[in-house]
């Protein structure tokens, strides 16, 4: 089964936002939190089973 990918425009947006976060935030833990928040709306609908396991 082929794994679905995000659209090109969403990938470009995420790449740009990650660069903005990395330039603007010096704390590595805060960077990781912000990047995870960035992915959350796009990955939520893609794999709902993994979030319900806990």
C-alpha atoms as a PDB file:
ATOM      1  CA  UNK A   1       0.000   0.000   0.000  1.00  0.00           C
ATOM      2  CA  UNK A   2       1.382   3.373  -1.013  1.00  0.00           C
ATOM      3  CA  UNK A   3       1.775   5.964   1.732  1.00  0.00           C
ATOM      4  CA  UNK A   4      -0.067   9.229   1.036  1.00  0.00           C
ATOM      5  CA  UNK A   5       1.920  12.436   1.060  1.00  0.00           C
ATOM      6  CA  UNK A   6       0.983  15.983   1.832  1.00  0.00           C
ATOM      7  CA  UNK A   7       0.330  18.232  -1.129  1.00  0.00           C
ATOM      8  CA  UNK A   8       3.205  20.236  -2.556  1.00  0.00           C
ATOM      9  CA  UNK A   9       1.801  23.550  -1.314  1.00  0.00           C
ATOM     10  CA  UNK A  10       1.417  22.256   2.249  1.00  0.00           C
ATOM     11  CA  UNK A  11       4.939  20.824   2.225  1.00  0.00           C
ATOM     12  CA  UNK A  12       6.287  24.169   1.017  1.00  0.00           C
ATOM     13  CA  UNK A  13       4.357  26.054   3.717  1.00  0.00           C
ATOM     14  CA  UNK A  14       5.615  23.735   6.455  1.00  0.00           C
ATOM     15  CA  UNK A  15       9.202  24.011   5.206  1.00  0.00           C
ATOM     16  CA  UNK A  16       9.024  27.818   5.281  1.00  0.00           C
ATOM     17  CA  UNK A  17       7.444  27.902   8.740  1.00  0.00           C
ATOM     18  CA  UNK A  18      10.038  25.501  10.142  1.00  0.00           C
ATOM     19  CA  UNK A  19      12.794  27.795   8.844  1.00  0.00           C
ATOM     20  CA  UNK A  20      11.078  30.804  10.433  1.00  0.00           C
ATOM     21  CA  UNK A  21      10.797  28.956  13.761  1.00  0.00           C
ATOM     22  CA  UNK A  22      14.434  27.869  13.682  1.00  0.00           C
ATOM     23  CA  UNK A  23      15.619  31.409  12.926  1.00  0.00           C
ATOM     24  CA  UNK A  24      13.440  33.061  15.554  1.00  0.00           C
ATOM     25  CA  UNK A  25      13.580  30.681  18.529  1.00  0.00           C
ATOM     26  CA  UNK A  26      16.878  29.784  20.172  1.00  0.00           C
ATOM     27  CA  UNK A  27      15.604  27.212  22.691  1.00  0.00           C
ATOM     28  CA  UNK A  28      15.722  23.747  21.072  1.00  0.00           C
ATOM     29  CA  UNK A  29      12.870  22.314  23.147  1.00  0.00           C
ATOM     30  CA  UNK A  30      10.649  25.263  22.266  1.00  0.00           C
ATOM     31  CA  UNK A  31      11.553  24.798  18.575  1.00  0.00           C
ATOM     32  CA  UNK A  32      10.486  21.161  18.672  1.00  0.00           C
ATOM     33  CA  UNK A  33       7.201  22.051  20.399  1.00  0.00           C
ATOM     34  CA  UNK A  34       6.396  24.714  17.820  1.00  0.00           C
ATOM     35  CA  UNK A  35       7.221  22.393  14.923  1.00  0.00           C
ATOM     36  CA  UNK A  36       4.998  19.666  16.383  1.00  0.00           C
ATOM     37  CA  UNK A  37       2.183  22.218  16.693  1.00  0.00           C
ATOM     38  CA  UNK A  38       2.773  23.154  13.057  1.00  0.00           C
ATOM     39  CA  UNK A  39       2.287  19.549  11.886  1.00  0.00           C
ATOM     40  CA  UNK A  40      -0.707  18.782  14.110  1.00  0.00           C
ATOM     41  CA  UNK A  41      -3.539  20.100  11.864  1.00  0.00           C
ATOM     42  CA  UNK A  42      -2.179  18.314   8.791  1.00  0.00           C
ATOM     43  CA  UNK A  43      -1.406  14.947  10.341  1.00  0.00           C
ATOM     44  CA  UNK A  44      -4.510  14.739  12.533  1.00  0.00           C
ATOM     45  CA  UNK A  45      -6.792  13.550   9.747  1.00  0.00           C
ATOM     46  CA  UNK A  46      -4.176  11.249   8.212  1.00  0.00           C
ATOM     47  CA  UNK A  47      -3.699   8.759  11.059  1.00  0.00           C
ATOM     48  CA  UNK A  48      -6.451   8.972  13.723  1.00  0.00           C
ATOM     49  CA  UNK A  49      -5.727   5.440  15.027  1.00  0.00           C
ATOM     50  CA  UNK A  50      -2.325   6.341  16.505  1.00  0.00           C
ATOM     51  CA  UNK A  51      -3.828   9.161  18.610  1.00  0.00           C
ATOM     52  CA  UNK A  52      -6.501   6.894  20.092  1.00  0.00           C
ATOM     53  CA  UNK A  53      -4.125   4.150  21.288  1.00  0.00           C
ATOM     54  CA  UNK A  54      -3.370   5.775  24.658  1.00  0.00           C
END
